[in-house]
Amino acid sequence: MNRAELLDLITLINVWLSLSSVLMVVASAIAIGVELWAVGVGLLLPSLLVFVVYTQDRRSVDPEDEINHPYRTRLVERYKRTLVASEAVAFLGYQTLLIWLVVMTPDVGPVFILLGQVPFVVALGYTRSKRYPGADSLLVGATWAYVVVFTITVSTGLVPGPELLGLFVAWLVMVFAGAEARNIPHRQGDRESGRPSIASRFGPRRTRPLEVALKISGVGLIWVIGGIWATLVVVVWLLFLLLCRRVERDREVAGRVRSSPAW
């Protein structure tokens, strides 16, 4: 694997989403007044989980992936063994850290080990949810929101209450909005593969305002719950995602050029 393909693979399987999950937990902790030292190594829990889930998703090439992400699909198929190995290491790391947190955190029982498997169970139904416009994005949003709230709870022993419920809703609507926005450039491929999205059904003119409204609502809810500092972290999170998506798009285009016969 040369350097260019390594960087492409890291970018296109969305490793940066693992980093973004840490920012989500940081913003949530600040919002409800939980010290980051109390979360501790629990900050690593969502990043390991996200890496496992998204790597597995990228390895499971769907019909729309071959249309929407041809270069990424070729990379994934070429380096499938590498991805399987890295996914296995991250999965083992996640389970080990989860068990350690359950053992070390007061007021957290063994049931949390089972609750920590919920995202993997949800991932099993993800492909089926793509049959209905918006259902897959809603599932993604709910899962990310669950992971953030679960991480804080299992790391600190905090009993879920109205503030954590508010955070759950805020992250759900923002991640849902981002997932549907990512479908806008791929709406033709989604239609052709028989897996419609809101973007393919209603077009960018209606999807963009929905994205903006939901993200503003989510940021506003974070503001109400946690004030200015938590909100600033959320804004940094949104800007980080925007930057990474642009890098992802550029590397996909550059990769197609490098791998074309003419090149």
C-alpha atoms as a PDB file:
ATOM      1  CA  MET A   1       0.000   0.000   0.000  1.00  0.00           C
ATOM      2  CA  ASN A   2       1.550   3.303  -1.043  1.00  0.00           C
ATOM      3  CA  ARG A   3       1.244   6.482   0.994  1.00  0.00           C
ATOM      4  CA  ALA A   4      -1.439   8.048  -1.198  1.00  0.00           C
ATOM      5  CA  GLU A   5      -3.676   4.986  -1.003  1.00  0.00           C
ATOM      6  CA  LEU A   6      -3.140   4.733   2.761  1.00  0.00           C
ATOM      7  CA  LEU A   7      -4.279   8.337   3.253  1.00  0.00           C
ATOM      8  CA  ASP A   8      -7.188   7.761   0.890  1.00  0.00           C
ATOM      9  CA  LEU A   9      -8.278   4.658   2.789  1.00  0.00           C
ATOM     10  CA  ILE A  10      -8.071   6.386   6.170  1.00  0.00           C
ATOM     11  CA  THR A  11     -10.068   9.326   4.829  1.00  0.00           C
ATOM     12  CA  LEU A  12     -12.677   7.449   2.839  1.00  0.00           C
ATOM     13  CA  ILE A  13     -13.611   4.923   5.516  1.00  0.00           C
ATOM     14  CA  ASN A  14     -14.255   7.997   7.669  1.00  0.00           C
ATOM     15  CA  VAL A  15     -11.748   7.470  10.474  1.00  0.00           C
ATOM     16  CA  TRP A  16     -12.235  11.171  11.209  1.00  0.00           C
ATOM     17  CA  LEU A  17     -15.712  10.343  12.504  1.00  0.00           C
ATOM     18  CA  SER A  18     -14.029   8.524  15.390  1.00  0.00           C
ATOM     19  CA  LEU A  19     -12.317  11.771  16.332  1.00  0.00           C
ATOM     20  CA  SER A  20     -15.556  13.733  15.982  1.00  0.00           C
ATOM     21  CA  SER A  21     -17.273  11.432  18.480  1.00  0.00           C
ATOM     22  CA  VAL A  22     -14.797  12.556  21.145  1.00  0.00           C
ATOM     23  CA  LEU A  23     -15.804  16.178  20.556  1.00  0.00           C
ATOM     24  CA  MET A  24     -19.450  15.188  20.969  1.00  0.00           C
ATOM     25  CA  VAL A  25     -18.760  13.652  24.369  1.00  0.00           C
ATOM     26  CA  VAL A  26     -16.658  16.654  25.420  1.00  0.00           C
ATOM     27  CA  ALA A  27     -19.446  19.073  24.461  1.00  0.00           C
ATOM     28  CA  SER A  28     -22.026  16.950  26.273  1.00  0.00           C
ATOM     29  CA  ALA A  29     -19.939  16.723  29.440  1.00  0.00           C
ATOM     30  CA  ILE A  30     -19.448  20.483  29.506  1.00  0.00           C
ATOM     31  CA  ALA A  31     -23.155  21.034  28.872  1.00  0.00           C
ATOM     32  CA  ILE A  32     -24.244  19.094  31.953  1.00  0.00           C
ATOM     33  CA  GLY A  33     -21.377  20.168  34.188  1.00  0.00           C
ATOM     34  CA  VAL A  34     -19.441  16.902  34.232  1.00  0.00           C
ATOM     35  CA  GLU A  35     -15.681  17.304  34.572  1.00  0.00           C
ATOM     36  CA  LEU A  36     -13.730  15.733  31.722  1.00  0.00           C
ATOM     37  CA  TRP A  37     -11.443  13.993  34.204  1.00  0.00           C
ATOM     38  CA  ALA A  38     -14.538  12.155  35.473  1.00  0.00           C
ATOM     39  CA  VAL A  39     -15.155  10.760  31.997  1.00  0.00           C
ATOM     40  CA  GLY A  40     -11.459   9.916  31.715  1.00  0.00           C
ATOM     41  CA  VAL A  41     -10.526   7.106  29.355  1.00  0.00           C
ATOM     42  CA  GLY A  42     -14.229   6.762  28.582  1.00  0.00           C
ATOM     43  CA  LEU A  43     -13.564   9.386  25.915  1.00  0.00           C
ATOM     44  CA  LEU A  44     -11.979   6.594  23.871  1.00  0.00           C
ATOM     45  CA  LEU A  45     -15.076   4.399  24.036  1.00  0.00           C
ATOM     46  CA  PRO A  46     -17.123   6.093  21.255  1.00  0.00           C
ATOM     47  CA  SER A  47     -14.103   6.469  18.983  1.00  0.00           C
ATOM     48  CA  LEU A  48     -13.409   2.723  19.086  1.00  0.00           C
ATOM     49  CA  LEU A  49     -17.080   1.917  18.571  1.00  0.00           C
ATOM     50  CA  VAL A  50     -17.461   4.304  15.636  1.00  0.00           C
ATOM     51  CA  PHE A  51     -14.346   2.889  13.982  1.00  0.00           C
ATOM     52  CA  VAL A  52     -15.684  -0.661  14.230  1.00  0.00           C
ATOM     53  CA  VAL A  53     -19.175   0.176  12.973  1.00  0.00           C
ATOM     54  CA  TYR A  54     -18.078   2.374  10.075  1.00  0.00           C
ATOM     55  CA  THR A  55     -15.271   0.085   8.964  1.00  0.00           C
ATOM     56  CA  GLN A  56     -17.694  -2.816   8.891  1.00  0.00           C
ATOM     57  CA  ASP A  57     -20.190  -0.700   6.970  1.00  0.00           C
ATOM     58  CA  ARG A  58     -17.599   0.335   4.391  1.00  0.00           C
ATOM     59  CA  ARG A  59     -16.499  -3.280   3.941  1.00  0.00           C
ATOM     60  CA  SER A  60     -20.095  -4.310   3.243  1.00  0.00           C
ATOM     61  CA  VAL A  61     -20.332  -2.800  -0.218  1.00  0.00           C
ATOM     62  CA  ASP A  62     -23.914  -1.972  -1.175  1.00  0.00           C
ATOM     63  CA  PRO A  63     -25.192  -1.418  -4.731  1.00  0.00           C
ATOM     64  CA  GLU A  64     -25.290   2.365  -4.262  1.00  0.00           C
ATOM     65  CA  ASP A  65     -21.666   2.377  -3.075  1.00  0.00           C
ATOM     66  CA  GLU A  66     -20.453   1.174  -6.451  1.00  0.00           C
ATOM     67  CA  ILE A  67     -22.281   4.115  -8.051  1.00  0.00           C
ATOM     68  CA  ASN A  68     -21.677   6.834  -5.461  1.00  0.00           C
ATOM     69  CA  HIS A  69     -18.205   5.824  -4.221  1.00  0.00           C
ATOM     70  CA  PRO A  70     -16.433   3.804  -6.940  1.00  0.00           C
ATOM     71  CA  TYR A  71     -12.898   4.642  -5.823  1.00  0.00           C
ATOM     72  CA  ARG A  72     -13.634   3.927  -2.161  1.00  0.00           C
ATOM     73  CA  THR A  73     -15.226   0.638  -3.150  1.00  0.00           C
ATOM     74  CA  ARG A  74     -12.100  -0.421  -5.052  1.00  0.00           C
ATOM     75  CA  LEU A  75      -9.873   0.489  -2.106  1.00  0.00           C
ATOM     76  CA  VAL A  76     -12.052  -1.383   0.372  1.00  0.00           C
ATOM     77  CA  GLU A  77     -12.068  -4.507  -1.763  1.00  0.00           C
ATOM     78  CA  ARG A  78      -8.311  -4.325  -2.304  1.00  0.00           C
ATOM     79  CA  TYR A  79      -7.444  -3.931   1.379  1.00  0.00           C
ATOM     80  CA  LYS A  80     -10.260  -5.924   2.946  1.00  0.00           C
ATOM     81  CA  ARG A  81      -7.910  -8.066   5.051  1.00  0.00           C
ATOM     82  CA  THR A  82      -6.232  -4.992   6.512  1.00  0.00           C
ATOM     83  CA  LEU A  83      -9.603  -3.509   7.369  1.00  0.00           C
ATOM     84  CA  VAL A  84     -10.832  -6.740   8.965  1.00  0.00           C
ATOM     85  CA  ALA A  85      -7.708  -6.923  11.141  1.00  0.00           C
ATOM     86  CA  SER A  86      -7.937  -3.285  12.251  1.00  0.00           C
ATOM     87  CA  GLU A  87     -11.660  -3.688  12.929  1.00  0.00           C
ATOM     88  CA  ALA A  88     -10.990  -6.738  15.095  1.00  0.00           C
ATOM     89  CA  VAL A  89      -8.369  -4.874  17.138  1.00  0.00           C
ATOM     90  CA  ALA A  90     -10.728  -1.913  17.667  1.00  0.00           C
ATOM     91  CA  PHE A  91     -13.587  -4.243  18.620  1.00  0.00           C
ATOM     92  CA  LEU A  92     -11.427  -6.002  21.207  1.00  0.00           C
ATOM     93  CA  GLY A  93     -10.284  -2.635  22.524  1.00  0.00           C
ATOM     94  CA  TYR A  94     -13.875  -1.429  22.819  1.00  0.00           C
ATOM     95  CA  GLN A  95     -15.044  -4.493  24.718  1.00  0.00           C
ATOM     96  CA  THR A  96     -12.038  -4.418  27.046  1.00  0.00           C
ATOM     97  CA  LEU A  97     -12.504  -0.730  27.828  1.00  0.00           C
ATOM     98  CA  LEU A  98     -16.241  -1.182  28.322  1.00  0.00           C
ATOM     99  CA  ILE A  99     -15.736  -3.989  30.838  1.00  0.00           C
ATOM    100  CA  TRP A 100     -13.068  -1.975  32.643  1.00  0.00           C
ATOM    101  CA  LEU A 101     -15.394   1.035  32.925  1.00  0.00           C
ATOM    102  CA  VAL A 102     -18.221  -1.136  34.262  1.00  0.00           C
ATOM    103  CA  VAL A 103     -15.922  -2.630  36.881  1.00  0.00           C
ATOM    104  CA  MET A 104     -14.396   0.692  37.914  1.00  0.00           C
ATOM    105  CA  THR A 105     -17.468   2.930  37.882  1.00  0.00           C
ATOM    106  CA  PRO A 106     -19.631   2.987  41.027  1.00  0.00           C
ATOM    107  CA  ASP A 107     -23.364   2.437  40.560  1.00  0.00           C
ATOM    108  CA  VAL A 108     -22.852   0.842  37.123  1.00  0.00           C
ATOM    109  CA  GLY A 109     -23.828  -2.805  36.876  1.00  0.00           C
ATOM    110  CA  PRO A 110     -23.017  -5.632  34.441  1.00  0.00           C
ATOM    111  CA  VAL A 111     -26.152  -4.791  32.441  1.00  0.00           C
ATOM    112  CA  PHE A 112     -24.168  -1.914  30.945  1.00  0.00           C
ATOM    113  CA  ILE A 113     -21.993  -4.434  29.136  1.00  0.00           C
ATOM    114  CA  LEU A 114     -25.122  -5.556  27.300  1.00  0.00           C
ATOM    115  CA  LEU A 115     -26.259  -1.964  26.757  1.00  0.00           C
ATOM    116  CA  GLY A 116     -22.883  -1.282  25.172  1.00  0.00           C
ATOM    117  CA  GLN A 117     -23.705  -3.808  22.433  1.00  0.00           C
ATOM    118  CA  VAL A 118     -26.852  -1.951  21.305  1.00  0.00           C
ATOM    119  CA  PRO A 119     -25.080  -0.051  18.468  1.00  0.00           C
ATOM    120  CA  PHE A 120     -23.840  -3.332  16.988  1.00  0.00           C
ATOM    121  CA  VAL A 121     -27.355  -4.764  17.058  1.00  0.00           C
ATOM    122  CA  VAL A 122     -28.729  -1.623  15.414  1.00  0.00           C
ATOM    123  CA  ALA A 123     -26.064  -1.854  12.705  1.00  0.00           C
ATOM    124  CA  LEU A 124     -27.483  -5.220  11.659  1.00  0.00           C
ATOM    125  CA  GLY A 125     -30.694  -3.529  10.535  1.00  0.00           C
ATOM    126  CA  TYR A 126     -29.054  -0.534   8.902  1.00  0.00           C
ATOM    127  CA  THR A 127     -29.062  -1.875   5.342  1.00  0.00           C
ATOM    128  CA  ARG A 128     -32.739  -2.812   5.579  1.00  0.00           C
ATOM    129  CA  SER A 129     -33.599   0.714   6.777  1.00  0.00           C
ATOM    130  CA  LYS A 130     -32.317   2.158   3.486  1.00  0.00           C
ATOM    131  CA  ARG A 131     -35.515   1.012   1.811  1.00  0.00           C
ATOM    132  CA  TYR A 132     -37.358   3.982   3.304  1.00  0.00           C
ATOM    133  CA  PRO A 133     -36.370   7.636   2.743  1.00  0.00           C
ATOM    134  CA  GLY A 134     -34.798   9.096   5.866  1.00  0.00           C
ATOM    135  CA  ALA A 135     -35.059   5.904   7.932  1.00  0.00           C
ATOM    136  CA  ASP A 136     -31.349   5.103   7.713  1.00  0.00           C
ATOM    137  CA  SER A 137     -30.377   8.669   8.657  1.00  0.00           C
ATOM    138  CA  LEU A 138     -32.782   8.580  11.594  1.00  0.00           C
ATOM    139  CA  LEU A 139     -31.241   5.298  12.731  1.00  0.00           C
ATOM    140  CA  VAL A 140     -27.748   6.777  12.428  1.00  0.00           C
ATOM    141  CA  GLY A 141     -28.750   9.881  14.379  1.00  0.00           C
ATOM    142  CA  ALA A 142     -30.379   7.881  17.160  1.00  0.00           C
ATOM    143  CA  THR A 143     -27.366   5.565  17.426  1.00  0.00           C
ATOM    144  CA  TRP A 144     -24.835   8.396  17.650  1.00  0.00           C
ATOM    145  CA  ALA A 145     -26.983  10.147  20.267  1.00  0.00           C
ATOM    146  CA  TYR A 146     -27.248   6.913  22.241  1.00  0.00           C
ATOM    147  CA  VAL A 147     -23.482   6.377  22.131  1.00  0.00           C
ATOM    148  CA  VAL A 148     -22.787   9.864  23.497  1.00  0.00           C
ATOM    149  CA  VAL A 149     -25.269   9.544  26.373  1.00  0.00           C
ATOM    150  CA  PHE A 150     -24.192   5.973  27.112  1.00  0.00           C
ATOM    151  CA  THR A 151     -20.515   6.978  27.240  1.00  0.00           C
ATOM    152  CA  ILE A 152     -21.132   9.645  29.849  1.00  0.00           C
ATOM    153  CA  THR A 153     -23.360   7.356  31.897  1.00  0.00           C
ATOM    154  CA  VAL A 154     -21.061   4.336  31.917  1.00  0.00           C
ATOM    155  CA  SER A 155     -17.989   6.484  32.577  1.00  0.00           C
ATOM    156  CA  THR A 156     -19.399   8.504  35.473  1.00  0.00           C
ATOM    157  CA  GLY A 157     -22.349   6.561  36.842  1.00  0.00           C
ATOM    158  CA  LEU A 158     -24.568   9.575  36.207  1.00  0.00           C
ATOM    159  CA  VAL A 159     -28.266   8.698  36.299  1.00  0.00           C
ATOM    160  CA  PRO A 160     -29.981   9.707  33.033  1.00  0.00           C
ATOM    161  CA  GLY A 161     -32.298  12.685  33.469  1.00  0.00           C
ATOM    162  CA  PRO A 162     -33.879  15.553  31.513  1.00  0.00           C
ATOM    163  CA  GLU A 163     -30.521  17.088  30.563  1.00  0.00           C
ATOM    164  CA  LEU A 164     -29.211  13.854  29.070  1.00  0.00           C
ATOM    165  CA  LEU A 165     -32.517  13.391  27.269  1.00  0.00           C
ATOM    166  CA  GLY A 166     -32.148  16.885  25.838  1.00  0.00           C
ATOM    167  CA  LEU A 167     -28.632  16.080  24.685  1.00  0.00           C
ATOM    168  CA  PHE A 168     -29.911  12.895  23.069  1.00  0.00           C
ATOM    169  CA  VAL A 169     -32.476  14.875  21.064  1.00  0.00           C
ATOM    170  CA  ALA A 170     -29.945  17.558  20.099  1.00  0.00           C
ATOM    171  CA  TRP A 171     -27.408  15.068  18.745  1.00  0.00           C
ATOM    172  CA  LEU A 172     -30.112  13.025  17.040  1.00  0.00           C
ATOM    173  CA  VAL A 173     -31.416  15.947  14.973  1.00  0.00           C
ATOM    174  CA  MET A 174     -27.948  17.256  14.100  1.00  0.00           C
ATOM    175  CA  VAL A 175     -26.551  13.888  13.027  1.00  0.00           C
ATOM    176  CA  PHE A 176     -29.747  13.124  11.110  1.00  0.00           C
ATOM    177  CA  ALA A 177     -29.402  16.439   9.288  1.00  0.00           C
ATOM    178  CA  GLY A 178     -25.757  15.779   8.458  1.00  0.00           C
ATOM    179  CA  ALA A 179     -26.469  12.266   7.196  1.00  0.00           C
ATOM    180  CA  GLU A 180     -29.172  13.495   4.838  1.00  0.00           C
ATOM    181  CA  ALA A 181     -26.974  16.375   3.643  1.00  0.00           C
ATOM    182  CA  ARG A 182     -24.320  13.831   2.674  1.00  0.00           C
ATOM    183  CA  ASN A 183     -26.922  12.113   0.495  1.00  0.00           C
ATOM    184  CA  ILE A 184     -27.488  15.192  -1.662  1.00  0.00           C
ATOM    185  CA  PRO A 185     -24.547  14.625  -4.068  1.00  0.00           C
ATOM    186  CA  HIS A 186     -25.445  10.921  -4.274  1.00  0.00           C
ATOM    187  CA  ARG A 187     -29.169  11.196  -4.857  1.00  0.00           C
ATOM    188  CA  GLN A 188     -29.011   9.782  -8.386  1.00  0.00           C
ATOM    189  CA  GLY A 189     -27.115   6.696  -7.244  1.00  0.00           C
ATOM    190  CA  ASP A 190     -29.563   6.230  -4.378  1.00  0.00           C
ATOM    191  CA  ARG A 191     -32.503   6.302  -6.800  1.00  0.00           C
ATOM    192  CA  GLU A 192     -30.865   3.921  -9.259  1.00  0.00           C
ATOM    193  CA  SER A 193     -30.033   1.400  -6.525  1.00  0.00           C
ATOM    194  CA  GLY A 194     -33.601   1.413  -5.206  1.00  0.00           C
ATOM    195  CA  ARG A 195     -32.605   2.905  -1.855  1.00  0.00           C
ATOM    196  CA  PRO A 196     -34.109   6.387  -1.854  1.00  0.00           C
ATOM    197  CA  SER A 197     -33.159   9.133   0.564  1.00  0.00           C
ATOM    198  CA  ILE A 198     -34.913  12.352   1.488  1.00  0.00           C
ATOM    199  CA  ALA A 199     -32.482  14.142  -0.816  1.00  0.00           C
ATOM    200  CA  SER A 200     -33.314  11.874  -3.760  1.00  0.00           C
ATOM    201  CA  ARG A 201     -37.027  12.138  -3.081  1.00  0.00           C
ATOM    202  CA  PHE A 202     -37.352  15.892  -2.483  1.00  0.00           C
ATOM    203  CA  GLY A 203     -34.177  17.324  -4.032  1.00  0.00           C
ATOM    204  CA  PRO A 204     -31.489  19.641  -2.631  1.00  0.00           C
ATOM    205  CA  ARG A 205     -33.719  22.746  -2.540  1.00  0.00           C
ATOM    206  CA  ARG A 206     -35.866  21.180   0.153  1.00  0.00           C
ATOM    207  CA  THR A 207     -33.184  19.101   1.852  1.00  0.00           C
ATOM    208  CA  ARG A 208     -30.746  21.966   2.461  1.00  0.00           C
ATOM    209  CA  PRO A 209     -33.234  24.123   4.423  1.00  0.00           C
ATOM    210  CA  LEU A 210     -34.162  21.052   6.462  1.00  0.00           C
ATOM    211  CA  GLU A 211     -30.497  20.437   7.253  1.00  0.00           C
ATOM    212  CA  VAL A 212     -29.915  24.034   8.337  1.00  0.00           C
ATOM    213  CA  ALA A 213     -33.085  24.161  10.453  1.00  0.00           C
ATOM    214  CA  LEU A 214     -32.300  20.922  12.267  1.00  0.00           C
ATOM    215  CA  LYS A 215     -28.691  21.860  12.961  1.00  0.00           C
ATOM    216  CA  ILE A 216     -29.701  25.284  14.278  1.00  0.00           C
ATOM    217  CA  SER A 217     -32.309  23.601  16.474  1.00  0.00           C
ATOM    218  CA  GLY A 218     -29.727  21.153  17.822  1.00  0.00           C
ATOM    219  CA  VAL A 219     -27.174  23.880  18.527  1.00  0.00           C
ATOM    220  CA  GLY A 220     -29.882  25.972  20.172  1.00  0.00           C
ATOM    221  CA  LEU A 221     -30.868  23.095  22.424  1.00  0.00           C
ATOM    222  CA  ILE A 222     -27.238  22.593  23.462  1.00  0.00           C
ATOM    223  CA  TRP A 223     -27.102  26.325  24.252  1.00  0.00           C
ATOM    224  CA  VAL A 224     -30.183  26.076  26.468  1.00  0.00           C
ATOM    225  CA  ILE A 225     -28.828  23.034  28.291  1.00  0.00           C
ATOM    226  CA  GLY A 226     -25.173  23.948  28.640  1.00  0.00           C
ATOM    227  CA  GLY A 227     -24.503  27.554  27.717  1.00  0.00           C
ATOM    228  CA  ILE A 228     -21.842  29.175  25.575  1.00  0.00           C
ATOM    229  CA  TRP A 229     -18.848  26.888  26.133  1.00  0.00           C
ATOM    230  CA  ALA A 230     -20.662  23.688  25.249  1.00  0.00           C
ATOM    231  CA  THR A 231     -22.136  25.460  22.218  1.00  0.00           C
ATOM    232  CA  LEU A 232     -18.683  26.567  21.047  1.00  0.00           C
ATOM    233  CA  VAL A 233     -17.465  22.960  21.146  1.00  0.00           C
ATOM    234  CA  VAL A 234     -20.476  21.941  19.049  1.00  0.00           C
ATOM    235  CA  VAL A 235     -19.641  24.667  16.524  1.00  0.00           C
ATOM    236  CA  VAL A 236     -16.049  23.377  16.386  1.00  0.00           C
ATOM    237  CA  TRP A 237     -17.482  19.885  15.830  1.00  0.00           C
ATOM    238  CA  LEU A 238     -19.610  21.107  12.920  1.00  0.00           C
ATOM    239  CA  LEU A 239     -16.670  22.949  11.343  1.00  0.00           C
ATOM    240  CA  PHE A 240     -14.457  19.886  11.781  1.00  0.00           C
ATOM    241  CA  LEU A 241     -17.031  17.730   9.977  1.00  0.00           C
ATOM    242  CA  LEU A 242     -17.318  20.266   7.174  1.00  0.00           C
ATOM    243  CA  LEU A 243     -13.553  20.335   6.685  1.00  0.00           C
ATOM    244  CA  CYS A 244     -13.243  16.539   6.738  1.00  0.00           C
ATOM    245  CA  ARG A 245     -16.074  16.110   4.243  1.00  0.00           C
ATOM    246  CA  ARG A 246     -14.367  18.461   1.829  1.00  0.00           C
ATOM    247  CA  VAL A 247     -11.103  16.560   2.213  1.00  0.00           C
ATOM    248  CA  GLU A 248     -13.005  13.311   1.679  1.00  0.00           C
ATOM    249  CA  ARG A 249     -14.612  14.622  -1.495  1.00  0.00           C
ATOM    250  CA  ASP A 250     -11.293  15.895  -2.864  1.00  0.00           C
ATOM    251  CA  ARG A 251      -9.495  12.610  -2.183  1.00  0.00           C
ATOM    252  CA  GLU A 252     -12.304  10.641  -3.802  1.00  0.00           C
ATOM    253  CA  VAL A 253     -11.999  12.756  -6.943  1.00  0.00           C
ATOM    254  CA  ALA A 254      -8.192  12.606  -6.950  1.00  0.00           C
ATOM    255  CA  GLY A 255      -8.301   8.856  -6.387  1.00  0.00           C
ATOM    256  CA  ARG A 256     -10.571   8.352  -9.368  1.00  0.00           C
ATOM    257  CA  VAL A 257      -8.132  10.279 -11.533  1.00  0.00           C
ATOM    258  CA  ARG A 258      -5.089   8.339 -10.314  1.00  0.00           C
ATOM    259  CA  SER A 259      -6.791   4.982 -10.770  1.00  0.00           C
ATOM    260  CA  SER A 260      -8.207   5.727 -14.219  1.00  0.00           C
ATOM    261  CA  PRO A 261      -6.630   4.014 -17.249  1.00  0.00           C
ATOM    262  CA  ALA A 262      -5.558   7.366 -18.680  1.00  0.00           C
ATOM    263  CA  TRP A 263      -3.511   8.044 -15.560  1.00  0.00           C
END
